[in-house]
């Protein structure tokens, strides 16, 4: 069992988990990811779209891609269709 440190936890010490990170993506003419950073996309393993909270002022509209990169690394990224920006999010 871990002993009590005696410190009072504060809300400003909380950290978000799995926050999306902006990422540089080069798209092909169809809008699919062709390069992520400096790595070439070898294959698109899966693709899906999420449209949620459409009734709010800041709705969520994203296209997710599960990619296989040239280094054989698997990566999930998404394009925010409201801001037209690319993000990476760990799961």
Protein backbone atom coordinates (compact mmCIF):
# COMPACT_ATOMS: atom_id res chain seq x y z
CA UNK A 1 0.00 0.00 0.00
CA UNK A 2 1.23 3.50 -0.82
CA UNK A 3 1.61 5.82 2.16
CA UNK A 4 -0.27 9.12 2.25
CA UNK A 5 1.94 12.03 1.18
CA UNK A 6 0.02 14.52 3.29
CA UNK A 7 -0.57 16.77 0.27
CA UNK A 8 -4.04 17.92 -0.68
CA UNK A 9 -4.83 17.15 -4.35
CA UNK A 10 -5.81 20.20 -6.42
CA UNK A 11 -7.76 20.34 -9.66
CA UNK A 12 -4.98 22.28 -11.38
CA UNK A 13 -2.73 19.21 -11.08
CA UNK A 14 -5.02 17.02 -13.18
CA UNK A 15 -3.81 16.08 -16.64
CA UNK A 16 -5.91 15.10 -19.61
CA UNK A 17 -5.30 11.65 -21.05
CA UNK A 18 -5.19 10.91 -24.79
CA UNK A 19 -5.48 14.54 -25.90
CA UNK A 20 -5.36 14.96 -29.69
CA UNK A 21 -2.07 16.34 -31.02
CA UNK A 22 -1.87 18.38 -34.24
CA UNK A 23 0.03 16.53 -36.95
CA UNK A 24 1.30 17.43 -40.44
CA UNK A 25 -0.42 15.40 -43.17
CA UNK A 26 -0.03 15.58 -46.94
CA UNK A 27 -3.24 14.59 -48.74
CA UNK A 28 -3.62 13.08 -52.19
CA UNK A 29 -6.08 14.62 -54.66
CA UNK A 30 -8.95 12.55 -53.19
CA UNK A 31 -8.22 13.95 -49.71
CA UNK A 32 -6.78 10.74 -48.26
CA UNK A 33 -3.55 10.88 -46.23
CA UNK A 34 -0.48 10.25 -48.38
CA UNK A 35 2.26 11.28 -45.94
CA UNK A 36 2.26 11.76 -42.17
CA UNK A 37 5.13 13.97 -41.12
CA UNK A 38 7.99 12.64 -43.25
CA UNK A 39 6.69 9.07 -43.47
CA UNK A 40 4.84 7.68 -46.46
CA UNK A 41 1.51 5.96 -45.92
CA UNK A 42 1.75 2.38 -47.19
CA UNK A 43 -1.88 1.42 -46.61
CA UNK A 44 -5.15 2.62 -45.13
CA UNK A 45 -6.24 -0.21 -42.84
CA UNK A 46 -9.61 1.32 -41.91
CA UNK A 47 -11.58 4.53 -42.34
CA UNK A 48 -14.67 5.77 -40.48
CA UNK A 49 -16.58 8.98 -39.87
CA UNK A 50 -18.02 10.40 -36.66
CA UNK A 51 -20.65 13.15 -36.61
CA UNK A 52 -21.75 13.93 -33.08
CA UNK A 53 -23.18 16.70 -30.94
CA UNK A 54 -24.65 18.36 -34.05
CA UNK A 55 -27.16 20.17 -31.83
CA UNK A 56 -24.42 22.14 -30.00
CA UNK A 57 -22.56 25.24 -31.17
CA UNK A 58 -19.30 23.25 -31.47
CA UNK A 59 -20.28 20.03 -33.22
CA UNK A 60 -17.93 17.12 -33.85
CA UNK A 61 -17.36 16.00 -37.41
CA UNK A 62 -14.28 13.85 -38.07
CA UNK A 63 -12.92 11.29 -40.49
CA UNK A 64 -10.62 8.76 -38.86
CA UNK A 65 -7.94 6.75 -40.66
CA UNK A 66 -6.07 3.72 -39.32
CA UNK A 67 -2.83 3.79 -41.28
CA UNK A 68 0.13 1.53 -41.89
CA UNK A 69 3.22 3.69 -42.42
CA UNK A 70 6.39 2.87 -44.36
CA UNK A 71 8.08 1.94 -41.07
CA UNK A 72 5.32 -0.69 -40.58
CA UNK A 73 4.03 1.35 -37.65
CA UNK A 74 0.24 1.56 -37.21
CA UNK A 75 -1.17 5.02 -36.56
CA UNK A 76 -4.68 6.41 -36.10
CA UNK A 77 -5.24 9.99 -37.22
CA UNK A 78 -8.30 12.08 -37.94
CA UNK A 79 -9.26 15.14 -39.93
CA UNK A 80 -11.47 17.62 -38.13
CA UNK A 81 -14.02 18.58 -40.78
CA UNK A 82 -15.02 21.73 -38.88
CA UNK A 83 -11.49 23.18 -38.65
CA UNK A 84 -9.89 21.24 -41.55
CA UNK A 85 -6.95 20.25 -39.35
CA UNK A 86 -5.29 16.85 -38.84
CA UNK A 87 -4.74 15.27 -35.43
CA UNK A 88 -3.16 12.17 -33.96
CA UNK A 89 -4.73 10.55 -30.93
CA UNK A 90 -3.34 7.61 -28.97
CA UNK A 91 -5.75 4.91 -27.89
